[in-house]
């Protein structure tokens, strides 16, 4: 029995549905009517606290089970999802001239991205409903996450990705045994086809910006950040943004923690987008209504945050506006430059989408949005091994290349005269 949820509320009109009657979206607003899960915080607070978490030996996202929309006895997937480290990157902070920079490394997840958190939640909710097949559309990471989590429990799944998705991500899907549809078109095309197929065949729909429970899985990254910083909130959190579900999840974590009295203020949240996929930056700068703003044509090296029309755009915009943050754009050149900078300054090897958050921090510092005394968290959403081709472009642009030497010590000594970097 799920007794900690009081209802699911439409982010547009405020209509609240009981957990039993709620579908994926609001009946009054169709696919745009994203729902937000509401909790009985008095009940939640009686079951979980900062003190109880301190004693909890479970390092995974399920340590927050009492603050998730699942039954207390729900069976969760066996893969270790969550519990990723947050590193104190002092050299990055020194280089930027600010107090502290922390890097949350979501590349340590089972399928190497933060999307595992949402997909773990999807598996629980799908099995709760007795779904035979689970489906999602993705630029790659959400697909790999659902594929891997499904494999861990033997759940049938169908994945839709653009034909242009990086080979490393497609390889994960095939290795896990998913039924994969490479769609000739954009992520938007893959998303639309997935939505049609799910409705036609009765599949459980895991899609971001449609299934309200995905935010709840992703918010556990934000809860971990707070817990790993001993519940002393940072001044700002930097999050790369595509569909907008991750930044919405981070915001939900902050609201939950404040409602439970675990923190006394919310960090400013900064959303970072590529200049080639800057729908939300455009809307933020112009004051456009994201409910009516038409899609753009997205094109960026950071495939994980490429979105013509962010599907969770209402929650994504609220995350920034309600915390006095900002949306910032960064160029693909800056994103690629951030890959080796982040790796060399913290040891975290991020894919372009993850490195985009750090590129955004650089822009924020340069524009005076971050002050010298500020403590900042950069959320690195996925491993650089997800997109090796882009990583090679990044290190080449940084002027880094391997030495090619004959197998003799003299040859090595000669090469090291001009190549030694340490």
Protein backbone atom coordinates (compact mmCIF):
# COMPACT_ATOMS: atom_id res chain seq x y z
CA UNK A 1 0.00 0.00 0.00
CA UNK A 2 1.25 3.47 -0.94
CA UNK A 3 0.08 5.69 1.92
CA UNK A 4 2.60 8.53 1.82
CA UNK A 5 1.19 10.11 -1.37
CA UNK A 6 -1.74 12.52 -0.99
CA UNK A 7 -2.27 13.00 -4.71
CA UNK A 8 -0.79 14.10 -8.03
CA UNK A 9 -1.29 17.73 -9.06
CA UNK A 10 -1.28 19.21 -12.56
CA UNK A 11 1.47 21.81 -12.94
CA UNK A 12 -0.80 23.88 -15.22
CA UNK A 13 -4.22 24.03 -13.58
CA UNK A 14 -3.60 22.64 -10.09
CA UNK A 15 -6.16 19.84 -10.42
CA UNK A 16 -5.24 17.08 -8.00
CA UNK A 17 -5.90 13.41 -8.63
CA UNK A 18 -5.66 10.61 -6.12
CA UNK A 19 -2.84 8.17 -6.65
CA UNK A 20 -5.40 5.52 -7.57
CA UNK A 21 -7.15 7.57 -10.28
CA UNK A 22 -4.19 9.48 -11.68
CA UNK A 23 -2.92 8.51 -15.09
CA UNK A 24 0.24 9.86 -16.63
CA UNK A 25 -1.03 13.42 -17.21
CA UNK A 26 -3.87 15.80 -16.37
CA UNK A 27 -7.18 14.99 -18.05
CA UNK A 28 -7.74 18.71 -18.73
CA UNK A 29 -4.45 19.40 -20.49
CA UNK A 30 -3.36 16.21 -22.20
CA UNK A 31 0.34 15.55 -22.63
CA UNK A 32 1.27 19.07 -21.51
CA UNK A 33 -0.46 18.55 -18.15
CA UNK A 34 2.48 17.07 -16.28
CA UNK A 35 1.61 15.84 -12.79
CA UNK A 36 3.60 16.44 -9.63
CA UNK A 37 3.51 13.90 -6.80
CA UNK A 38 2.35 15.34 -3.46
CA UNK A 39 3.35 13.83 -0.11
CA UNK A 40 2.01 13.67 3.43
CA UNK A 41 5.11 15.21 4.96
CA UNK A 42 3.92 14.61 8.52
CA UNK A 43 3.70 10.89 7.78
CA UNK A 44 6.98 10.89 5.86
CA UNK A 45 8.67 12.76 8.71
CA UNK A 46 7.53 10.12 11.17
CA UNK A 47 9.34 7.45 9.13
CA UNK A 48 12.52 9.13 7.98
CA UNK A 49 14.79 11.83 9.36
CA UNK A 50 18.33 13.07 9.09
CA UNK A 51 19.15 10.97 12.14
CA UNK A 52 17.62 7.79 10.70
CA UNK A 53 19.43 8.32 7.41
CA UNK A 54 22.67 8.64 9.33
CA UNK A 55 22.08 5.16 10.72
CA UNK A 56 20.85 3.64 7.44
CA UNK A 57 23.39 1.25 5.93
CA UNK A 58 21.68 1.14 2.52
CA UNK A 59 23.80 3.36 0.22
CA UNK A 60 21.36 3.28 -2.72
CA UNK A 61 18.54 5.59 -3.77
CA UNK A 62 16.14 3.35 -1.87
CA UNK A 63 17.40 4.77 1.43
CA UNK A 64 14.84 7.52 0.65
CA UNK A 65 12.05 4.95 0.16
CA UNK A 66 9.79 6.74 2.66
CA UNK A 67 9.95 9.83 0.42
CA UNK A 68 9.24 7.93 -2.79
CA UNK A 69 5.86 6.96 -4.29
CA UNK A 70 6.23 3.23 -3.71
CA UNK A 71 4.92 0.75 -1.18
CA UNK A 72 7.10 0.10 1.84
CA UNK A 73 7.40 -3.55 0.82
CA UNK A 74 7.89 -2.95 -2.92
CA UNK A 75 10.54 -5.11 -4.57
CA UNK A 76 13.21 -2.93 -6.15
CA UNK A 77 15.66 -3.87 -8.94
CA UNK A 78 18.86 -5.55 -7.69
CA UNK A 79 21.33 -3.20 -9.42
CA UNK A 80 23.02 -0.67 -7.14
CA UNK A 81 21.42 2.59 -8.23
CA UNK A 82 22.35 5.75 -6.37
CA UNK A 83 24.97 6.41 -3.73
CA UNK A 84 27.24 8.15 -6.23
CA UNK A 85 30.08 10.26 -4.82
CA UNK A 86 30.21 14.03 -4.55
CA UNK A 87 33.84 15.16 -4.76
CA UNK A 88 35.39 18.29 -3.31
CA UNK A 89 37.23 19.61 -6.39
CA UNK A 90 39.51 22.18 -4.76
CA UNK A 91 41.67 22.76 -7.85
CA UNK A 92 38.62 23.66 -9.91
CA UNK A 93 37.50 26.07 -7.21
CA UNK A 94 40.95 27.67 -7.07
CA UNK A 95 41.07 28.05 -10.86
CA UNK A 96 37.68 29.77 -10.85
CA UNK A 97 38.42 31.91 -7.80
CA UNK A 98 35.48 30.69 -5.73
CA UNK A 99 35.21 29.04 -2.33
CA UNK A 100 34.25 25.45 -3.18
CA UNK A 101 33.31 23.37 -6.21
CA UNK A 102 31.77 19.96 -5.63
CA UNK A 103 31.26 17.50 -8.49
CA UNK A 104 28.49 14.90 -8.26
CA UNK A 105 29.62 11.97 -10.44
CA UNK A 106 26.59 10.18 -11.90
CA UNK A 107 28.84 8.31 -14.30
CA UNK A 108 29.24 5.79 -11.48
CA UNK A 109 25.71 4.42 -11.99
CA UNK A 110 25.20 0.86 -13.33
CA UNK A 111 24.64 2.07 -16.91
CA UNK A 112 26.81 5.16 -16.36
CA UNK A 113 24.23 7.95 -16.16
CA UNK A 114 21.81 9.58 -13.74
CA UNK A 115 18.92 8.20 -15.80
CA UNK A 116 19.27 4.90 -13.90
CA UNK A 117 17.45 6.56 -11.00
CA UNK A 118 14.34 7.22 -13.09
CA UNK A 119 14.45 3.84 -14.79
CA UNK A 120 14.70 2.03 -11.47
CA UNK A 121 11.54 3.86 -10.44
CA UNK A 122 9.91 2.97 -13.76
CA UNK A 123 10.56 -0.73 -13.21
CA UNK A 124 8.95 -0.62 -9.76
CA UNK A 125 5.88 1.26 -11.02
CA UNK A 126 5.53 -0.94 -14.13
CA UNK A 127 5.61 -4.11 -12.06
CA UNK A 128 3.16 -2.56 -9.64
CA UNK A 129 0.75 -2.32 -12.58
CA UNK A 130 1.61 -5.74 -13.96
CA UNK A 131 2.91 -4.30 -17.23
CA UNK A 132 4.22 -6.84 -19.73
CA UNK A 133 6.32 -4.32 -21.68
CA UNK A 134 8.02 -1.06 -20.68
CA UNK A 135 9.03 1.51 -23.28
CA UNK A 136 10.88 4.82 -23.59
CA UNK A 137 12.31 7.20 -26.16
CA UNK A 138 15.75 8.64 -25.56
CA UNK A 139 18.84 10.22 -27.05
CA UNK A 140 20.65 7.29 -25.46
CA UNK A 141 21.07 7.50 -21.70
CA UNK A 142 17.47 6.96 -20.59
CA UNK A 143 17.30 4.12 -23.10
CA UNK A 144 20.42 2.46 -21.73
CA UNK A 145 19.14 2.94 -18.20
CA UNK A 146 15.78 1.32 -18.90
CA UNK A 147 17.50 -1.42 -20.88
CA UNK A 148 19.93 -2.28 -18.07
CA UNK A 149 17.40 -2.07 -15.26
CA UNK A 150 14.97 -4.20 -17.28
CA UNK A 151 17.67 -6.81 -17.87
CA UNK A 152 18.30 -7.01 -14.13
CA UNK A 153 14.74 -8.27 -13.53
CA UNK A 154 13.90 -9.87 -16.89
CA UNK A 155 11.44 -7.15 -17.91
CA UNK A 156 10.50 -6.94 -21.60
CA UNK A 157 11.20 -3.52 -23.06
CA UNK A 158 11.12 -1.62 -26.34
CA UNK A 159 13.48 1.31 -26.90
CA UNK A 160 13.21 4.16 -29.40
CA UNK A 161 16.34 6.22 -30.15
CA UNK A 162 17.40 8.47 -33.02
CA UNK A 163 19.43 6.65 -35.65
CA UNK A 164 22.23 9.15 -34.92
CA UNK A 165 22.65 8.13 -31.26
CA UNK A 166 26.29 7.40 -30.29
CA UNK A 167 27.33 3.82 -31.00
CA UNK A 168 28.43 3.27 -27.39
CA UNK A 169 24.88 3.90 -26.22
CA UNK A 170 23.33 1.71 -28.90
CA UNK A 171 25.79 -1.04 -27.98
CA UNK A 172 24.49 -0.99 -24.39
CA UNK A 173 20.91 -1.47 -25.58
CA UNK A 174 21.78 -4.41 -27.76
CA UNK A 175 24.00 -6.01 -25.12
CA UNK A 176 21.16 -5.87 -22.59
CA UNK A 177 18.84 -7.57 -25.08
CA UNK A 178 16.33 -4.78 -25.61
CA UNK A 179 14.10 -4.53 -28.65
CA UNK A 180 15.59 -1.44 -30.28
CA UNK A 181 14.01 0.85 -32.87
CA UNK A 182 16.50 3.24 -34.49
CA UNK A 183 14.26 6.06 -35.69
CA UNK A 184 15.19 7.95 -38.84
CA UNK A 185 14.81 11.46 -37.47
CA UNK A 186 15.32 13.51 -34.32
CA UNK A 187 14.77 12.71 -30.67
CA UNK A 188 11.37 14.41 -31.06
CA UNK A 189 10.47 11.95 -33.81
CA UNK A 190 11.53 9.02 -31.64
CA UNK A 191 9.55 10.41 -28.70
CA UNK A 192 6.37 10.87 -30.74
CA UNK A 193 6.57 7.36 -32.19
CA UNK A 194 7.16 5.88 -28.74
CA UNK A 195 4.13 7.73 -27.37
CA UNK A 196 1.95 6.42 -30.19
CA UNK A 197 3.22 2.87 -29.75
CA UNK A 198 2.73 2.88 -25.98
CA UNK A 199 -0.88 4.03 -26.38
CA UNK A 200 -1.58 1.58 -29.19
CA UNK A 201 -0.06 -1.49 -27.53
CA UNK A 202 -0.74 -0.73 -23.86
CA UNK A 203 2.93 -0.59 -22.87
CA UNK A 204 4.05 1.08 -19.65
CA UNK A 205 5.40 4.48 -20.69
CA UNK A 206 8.61 5.56 -18.94
CA UNK A 207 9.04 8.74 -20.99
CA UNK A 208 10.50 11.79 -19.32
CA UNK A 209 8.14 14.75 -19.15
CA UNK A 210 5.14 12.44 -19.34
CA UNK A 211 5.45 9.87 -16.58
CA UNK A 212 5.25 11.84 -13.30
CA UNK A 213 7.21 9.27 -11.32
CA UNK A 214 10.45 9.85 -13.24
CA UNK A 215 10.98 13.14 -11.40
CA UNK A 216 10.72 11.26 -8.12
CA UNK A 217 13.49 8.86 -9.09
CA UNK A 218 15.76 11.64 -10.30
CA UNK A 219 15.25 13.77 -7.19
CA UNK A 220 17.26 11.24 -5.18
CA UNK A 221 20.42 12.75 -6.73
CA UNK A 222 19.50 16.06 -5.13
CA UNK A 223 18.79 14.43 -1.77
CA UNK A 224 22.20 12.75 -1.91
CA UNK A 225 23.90 16.07 -2.60
CA UNK A 226 22.33 17.57 0.50
CA UNK A 227 23.13 14.56 2.65
CA UNK A 228 26.73 14.36 1.39
CA UNK A 229 27.18 18.05 2.28
CA UNK A 230 25.87 17.33 5.81
CA UNK A 231 22.59 19.12 5.03
CA UNK A 232 24.39 22.44 4.56
CA UNK A 233 22.95 23.48 1.17
CA UNK A 234 25.37 24.85 -1.42
CA UNK A 235 24.82 28.34 -2.76
CA UNK A 236 24.17 27.03 -6.26
CA UNK A 237 23.70 23.82 -8.23
CA UNK A 238 24.53 23.63 -11.94
CA UNK A 239 22.54 21.18 -14.05
CA UNK A 240 22.66 20.58 -17.81
CA UNK A 241 19.18 20.59 -19.33
CA UNK A 242 17.59 18.79 -22.27
CA UNK A 243 14.05 17.60 -21.60
CA UNK A 244 14.17 19.23 -18.17
CA UNK A 245 13.36 16.27 -15.95
CA UNK A 246 16.68 16.19 -14.09
CA UNK A 247 16.63 19.85 -13.11
CA UNK A 248 12.99 19.42 -12.10
CA UNK A 249 14.01 16.46 -9.94
CA UNK A 250 16.79 18.41 -8.24
CA UNK A 251 14.29 21.17 -7.48
CA UNK A 252 11.81 18.65 -6.07
CA UNK A 253 14.51 17.29 -3.76
CA UNK A 254 15.14 20.76 -2.38
CA UNK A 255 11.42 21.38 -1.83
CA UNK A 256 10.99 18.02 -0.10
CA UNK A 257 13.98 18.62 2.16
CA UNK A 258 12.74 22.08 3.11
CA UNK A 259 9.20 20.82 3.78
CA UNK A 260 10.64 18.20 6.13
CA UNK A 261 12.79 20.78 7.92
CA UNK A 262 16.05 19.19 6.79
CA UNK A 263 17.30 22.44 5.23
CA UNK A 264 16.34 26.05 5.89
CA UNK A 265 16.87 27.45 2.40
CA UNK A 266 17.04 26.29 -1.19
CA UNK A 267 20.15 26.70 -3.37
CA UNK A 268 19.94 28.71 -6.57
CA UNK A 269 19.55 26.30 -9.47
CA UNK A 270 21.20 27.10 -12.79
CA UNK A 271 20.07 25.35 -15.95
CA UNK A 272 22.70 25.01 -18.67
CA UNK A 273 21.89 24.43 -22.33
CA UNK A 274 23.93 24.21 -25.48
CA UNK A 275 23.58 27.20 -27.80
CA UNK A 276 22.36 24.70 -30.39
CA UNK A 277 19.57 23.44 -28.12
CA UNK A 278 18.59 26.45 -26.03
CA UNK A 279 14.79 26.36 -25.92
CA UNK A 280 14.60 27.13 -22.21
CA UNK A 281 17.33 29.79 -22.33
CA UNK A 282 15.36 31.56 -25.04
CA UNK A 283 12.17 31.38 -23.01
CA UNK A 284 13.92 32.55 -19.84
CA UNK A 285 15.53 35.54 -21.57
CA UNK A 286 12.37 36.64 -23.39
CA UNK A 287 9.81 35.76 -20.75
CA UNK A 288 8.00 33.46 -23.18
CA UNK A 289 5.42 30.99 -21.91
CA UNK A 290 6.93 27.54 -22.31
CA UNK A 291 3.45 26.08 -22.61
CA UNK A 292 2.89 27.87 -25.93
CA UNK A 293 6.42 28.47 -27.21
CA UNK A 294 6.90 26.36 -30.39
CA UNK A 295 9.70 23.82 -30.80
CA UNK A 296 13.13 24.85 -32.06
CA UNK A 297 15.53 22.89 -34.24
CA UNK A 298 18.14 21.42 -31.88
CA UNK A 299 21.67 20.49 -32.95
CA UNK A 300 24.46 19.99 -30.45
CA UNK A 301 27.45 17.77 -29.74
CA UNK A 302 25.88 17.11 -26.33
CA UNK A 303 23.33 14.60 -27.61
CA UNK A 304 21.96 13.86 -24.14
CA UNK A 305 20.63 17.42 -23.85
CA UNK A 306 19.48 17.86 -27.43
CA UNK A 307 15.74 18.58 -27.44
CA UNK A 308 13.59 20.46 -29.95
CA UNK A 309 10.85 20.75 -27.35
CA UNK A 310 11.77 19.98 -23.72
CA UNK A 311 9.03 17.64 -22.51
CA UNK A 312 9.30 18.58 -18.83
CA UNK A 313 9.70 22.29 -19.54
CA UNK A 314 7.24 23.60 -16.96
CA UNK A 315 8.99 21.95 -14.02
CA UNK A 316 12.34 22.86 -15.58
CA UNK A 317 11.49 26.55 -15.77
CA UNK A 318 10.03 26.56 -12.26
CA UNK A 319 13.27 25.09 -10.91
CA UNK A 320 15.20 28.15 -12.01
CA UNK A 321 12.62 30.89 -11.48
CA UNK A 322 11.53 29.75 -8.02
CA UNK A 323 15.13 29.55 -6.74
CA UNK A 324 16.39 32.82 -8.27
CA UNK A 325 18.75 30.92 -10.51
CA UNK A 326 19.18 31.42 -14.26
CA UNK A 327 19.27 29.67 -17.59
CA UNK A 328 22.60 30.03 -19.38
CA UNK A 329 23.79 28.91 -22.81
CA UNK A 330 27.22 27.56 -23.66
CA UNK A 331 28.73 26.81 -27.05
CA UNK A 332 29.62 23.32 -28.22
CA UNK A 333 33.25 24.48 -28.24
CA UNK A 334 32.97 25.41 -24.55
CA UNK A 335 31.26 22.10 -23.78
CA UNK A 336 34.04 20.08 -25.40
CA UNK A 337 36.68 22.19 -23.66
CA UNK A 338 34.99 21.45 -20.34
CA UNK A 339 35.41 17.68 -20.78
CA UNK A 340 39.21 17.61 -20.20
CA UNK A 341 39.09 20.58 -17.81
CA UNK A 342 36.64 18.79 -15.54
CA UNK A 343 38.53 15.51 -15.85
CA UNK A 344 41.91 17.05 -15.04
CA UNK A 345 40.59 19.22 -12.24
CA UNK A 346 38.47 16.63 -10.46
CA UNK A 347 39.14 13.19 -11.93
CA UNK A 348 35.56 12.97 -13.21
CA UNK A 349 35.34 11.98 -16.89
CA UNK A 350 32.03 13.34 -18.15
CA UNK A 351 30.22 13.02 -21.42
CA UNK A 352 29.50 16.38 -23.13
CA UNK A 353 26.11 16.79 -21.45
CA UNK A 354 27.67 16.33 -18.02
CA UNK A 355 30.58 18.66 -18.81
CA UNK A 356 28.10 21.30 -20.02
CA UNK A 357 27.18 21.96 -16.38
CA UNK A 358 30.78 22.90 -15.64
CA UNK A 359 30.98 25.04 -18.78
CA UNK A 360 27.91 26.85 -17.44
CA UNK A 361 29.62 27.45 -14.11
CA UNK A 362 32.51 29.11 -15.95
CA UNK A 363 30.04 31.42 -17.73
CA UNK A 364 28.27 32.22 -14.45
CA UNK A 365 31.56 33.12 -12.75
CA UNK A 366 32.61 35.31 -15.67
CA UNK A 367 29.29 37.16 -15.54
CA UNK A 368 29.40 37.71 -11.79
CA UNK A 369 26.49 35.40 -11.05
CA UNK A 370 28.69 33.36 -8.71
CA UNK A 371 30.68 35.15 -6.03
CA UNK A 372 34.06 34.33 -4.50
CA UNK A 373 32.53 33.04 -1.26
CA UNK A 374 30.05 30.70 -2.95
CA UNK A 375 29.94 26.93 -2.59
CA UNK A 376 28.77 25.30 -5.82
CA UNK A 377 27.78 21.81 -6.96
CA UNK A 378 28.25 20.68 -10.56
CA UNK A 379 26.03 17.72 -11.46
CA UNK A 380 27.90 15.54 -13.95
CA UNK A 381 25.10 13.45 -15.40
CA UNK A 382 26.94 10.75 -17.35
CA UNK A 383 30.27 9.07 -18.08
CA UNK A 384 32.58 10.20 -20.85
CA UNK A 385 32.75 6.59 -22.00
CA UNK A 386 29.22 7.12 -23.33
CA UNK A 387 30.61 9.21 -26.19
CA UNK A 388 34.26 8.43 -26.87
CA UNK A 389 34.21 10.16 -30.26
CA UNK A 390 33.36 13.50 -28.64
CA UNK A 391 35.93 12.92 -25.91
CA UNK A 392 38.62 12.42 -28.54
CA UNK A 393 37.58 15.67 -30.23
CA UNK A 394 37.77 17.41 -26.86
CA UNK A 395 41.29 16.28 -26.02
CA UNK A 396 42.49 17.00 -29.55
CA UNK A 397 41.13 20.55 -29.27
CA UNK A 398 43.00 20.87 -25.97
CA UNK A 399 46.22 19.96 -27.78
CA UNK A 400 46.61 16.62 -26.06
CA UNK A 401 47.88 13.63 -27.99
CA UNK A 402 49.70 10.42 -27.11
CA UNK A 403 53.42 9.92 -27.63
CA UNK A 404 54.38 7.37 -30.29
CA UNK A 405 57.76 5.89 -29.39
CA UNK A 406 60.11 3.10 -30.29
CA UNK A 407 60.41 0.47 -27.53
CA UNK A 408 63.66 1.89 -26.11
CA UNK A 409 64.40 4.06 -23.09
CA UNK A 410 66.37 6.54 -25.22
CA UNK A 411 63.37 7.02 -27.51
CA UNK A 412 61.12 7.56 -24.49
CA UNK A 413 63.50 10.12 -23.01
CA UNK A 414 63.60 12.03 -26.29
CA UNK A 415 59.83 12.05 -26.59
CA UNK A 416 59.32 13.14 -22.99
CA UNK A 417 61.37 16.31 -23.54
CA UNK A 418 58.51 17.78 -25.53
CA UNK A 419 55.52 15.75 -24.32
CA UNK A 420 55.74 15.48 -20.54
CA UNK A 421 52.65 17.06 -19.03
CA UNK A 422 53.06 16.18 -15.35
